[in-house]
Amino acid sequence: MSRRSLVSPALYLVTALVALVNAPASLALDATTAIYFALLPGSVPRA
Protein backbone atom coordinates (compact mmCIF):
# COMPACT_ATOMS: atom_id res chain seq x y z
CA MET A 1 0.00 0.00 0.00
CA SER A 2 1.44 3.35 -0.98
CA ARG A 3 1.67 6.39 1.24
CA ARG A 4 -0.77 8.13 -1.11
CA SER A 5 -3.35 5.43 -0.38
CA LEU A 6 -2.98 6.02 3.34
CA VAL A 7 -3.10 9.82 3.19
CA SER A 8 -6.06 10.30 0.86
CA PRO A 9 -8.80 9.10 3.26
CA ALA A 10 -7.47 11.46 5.93
CA LEU A 11 -7.54 14.40 3.52
CA TYR A 12 -11.10 13.65 2.45
CA LEU A 13 -12.11 13.30 6.13
CA VAL A 14 -10.72 16.77 6.77
CA THR A 15 -12.72 18.16 3.85
CA ALA A 16 -15.85 16.46 5.18
CA LEU A 17 -15.31 18.09 8.57
CA VAL A 18 -14.75 21.45 6.89
CA ALA A 19 -18.07 20.94 5.07
CA LEU A 20 -19.84 21.05 8.41
CA VAL A 21 -18.58 24.60 8.85
CA ASN A 22 -18.18 26.00 5.33
CA ALA A 23 -19.48 24.22 2.22
CA PRO A 24 -17.68 26.33 -0.42
CA ALA A 25 -14.36 25.87 1.37
CA SER A 26 -14.96 22.12 1.47
CA LEU A 27 -15.65 22.03 -2.27
CA ALA A 28 -12.45 23.97 -2.92
CA LEU A 29 -10.45 21.57 -0.73
CA ASP A 30 -12.02 18.55 -2.45
CA ALA A 31 -11.13 19.92 -5.87
CA THR A 32 -7.60 20.78 -4.77
CA THR A 33 -7.10 17.34 -3.26
CA ALA A 34 -8.43 15.59 -6.36
CA ILE A 35 -6.18 17.63 -8.65
CA TYR A 36 -3.19 16.98 -6.40
CA PHE A 37 -3.68 13.22 -6.57
CA ALA A 38 -4.39 13.31 -10.30
CA LEU A 39 -1.15 15.16 -11.02
CA LEU A 40 1.16 13.15 -8.76
CA PRO A 41 3.86 11.20 -10.55
CA GLY A 42 2.83 7.60 -10.94
CA SER A 43 -0.88 8.38 -11.06
CA VAL A 44 -0.96 7.53 -14.77
CA PRO A 45 0.14 3.99 -15.60
CA ARG A 46 2.98 3.65 -18.06
CA ALA A 47 2.45 1.84 -21.33
C-alpha atoms as a PDB file:
ATOM      1  CA  MET A   1       0.000   0.000   0.000  1.00  0.00           C
ATOM      2  CA  SER A   2       1.440   3.352  -0.981  1.00  0.00           C
ATOM      3  CA  ARG A   3       1.666   6.392   1.241  1.00  0.00           C
ATOM      4  CA  ARG A   4      -0.772   8.126  -1.109  1.00  0.00           C
ATOM      5  CA  SER A   5      -3.351   5.427  -0.383  1.00  0.00           C
ATOM      6  CA  LEU A   6      -2.976   6.021   3.340  1.00  0.00           C
ATOM      7  CA  VAL A   7      -3.097   9.821   3.188  1.00  0.00           C
ATOM      8  CA  SER A   8      -6.060  10.302   0.859  1.00  0.00           C
ATOM      9  CA  PRO A   9      -8.801   9.104   3.261  1.00  0.00           C
ATOM     10  CA  ALA A  10      -7.467  11.461   5.929  1.00  0.00           C
ATOM     11  CA  LEU A  11      -7.537  14.396   3.516  1.00  0.00           C
ATOM     12  CA  TYR A  12     -11.101  13.652   2.453  1.00  0.00           C
ATOM     13  CA  LEU A  13     -12.105  13.298   6.126  1.00  0.00           C
ATOM     14  CA  VAL A  14     -10.719  16.771   6.765  1.00  0.00           C
ATOM     15  CA  THR A  15     -12.716  18.161   3.852  1.00  0.00           C
ATOM     16  CA  ALA A  16     -15.849  16.458   5.185  1.00  0.00           C
ATOM     17  CA  LEU A  17     -15.310  18.091   8.569  1.00  0.00           C
ATOM     18  CA  VAL A  18     -14.749  21.455   6.887  1.00  0.00           C
ATOM     19  CA  ALA A  19     -18.068  20.938   5.067  1.00  0.00           C
ATOM     20  CA  LEU A  20     -19.841  21.046   8.413  1.00  0.00           C
ATOM     21  CA  VAL A  21     -18.580  24.604   8.847  1.00  0.00           C
ATOM     22  CA  ASN A  22     -18.179  25.998   5.333  1.00  0.00           C
ATOM     23  CA  ALA A  23     -19.479  24.215   2.223  1.00  0.00           C
ATOM     24  CA  PRO A  24     -17.680  26.329  -0.421  1.00  0.00           C
ATOM     25  CA  ALA A  25     -14.356  25.866   1.374  1.00  0.00           C
ATOM     26  CA  SER A  26     -14.962  22.121   1.471  1.00  0.00           C
ATOM     27  CA  LEU A  27     -15.646  22.025  -2.274  1.00  0.00           C
ATOM     28  CA  ALA A  28     -12.454  23.968  -2.924  1.00  0.00           C
ATOM     29  CA  LEU A  29     -10.452  21.573  -0.733  1.00  0.00           C
ATOM     30  CA  ASP A  30     -12.019  18.548  -2.448  1.00  0.00           C
ATOM     31  CA  ALA A  31     -11.130  19.919  -5.869  1.00  0.00           C
ATOM     32  CA  THR A  32      -7.600  20.781  -4.773  1.00  0.00           C
ATOM     33  CA  THR A  33      -7.096  17.337  -3.257  1.00  0.00           C
ATOM     34  CA  ALA A  34      -8.428  15.586  -6.364  1.00  0.00           C
ATOM     35  CA  ILE A  35      -6.182  17.634  -8.653  1.00  0.00           C
ATOM     36  CA  TYR A  36      -3.189  16.978  -6.401  1.00  0.00           C
ATOM     37  CA  PHE A  37      -3.676  13.219  -6.566  1.00  0.00           C
ATOM     38  CA  ALA A  38      -4.393  13.315 -10.300  1.00  0.00           C
ATOM     39  CA  LEU A  39      -1.149  15.162 -11.020  1.00  0.00           C
ATOM     40  CA  LEU A  40       1.156  13.152  -8.760  1.00  0.00           C
ATOM     41  CA  PRO A  41       3.859  11.199 -10.546  1.00  0.00           C
ATOM     42  CA  GLY A  42       2.833   7.601 -10.944  1.00  0.00           C
ATOM     43  CA  SER A  43      -0.875   8.375 -11.058  1.00  0.00           C
ATOM     44  CA  VAL A  44      -0.964   7.530 -14.771  1.00  0.00           C
ATOM     45  CA  PRO A  45       0.136   3.991 -15.604  1.00  0.00           C
ATOM     46  CA  ARG A  46       2.983   3.650 -18.064  1.00  0.00           C
ATOM     47  CA  ALA A  47       2.447   1.836 -21.331  1.00  0.00           C
END
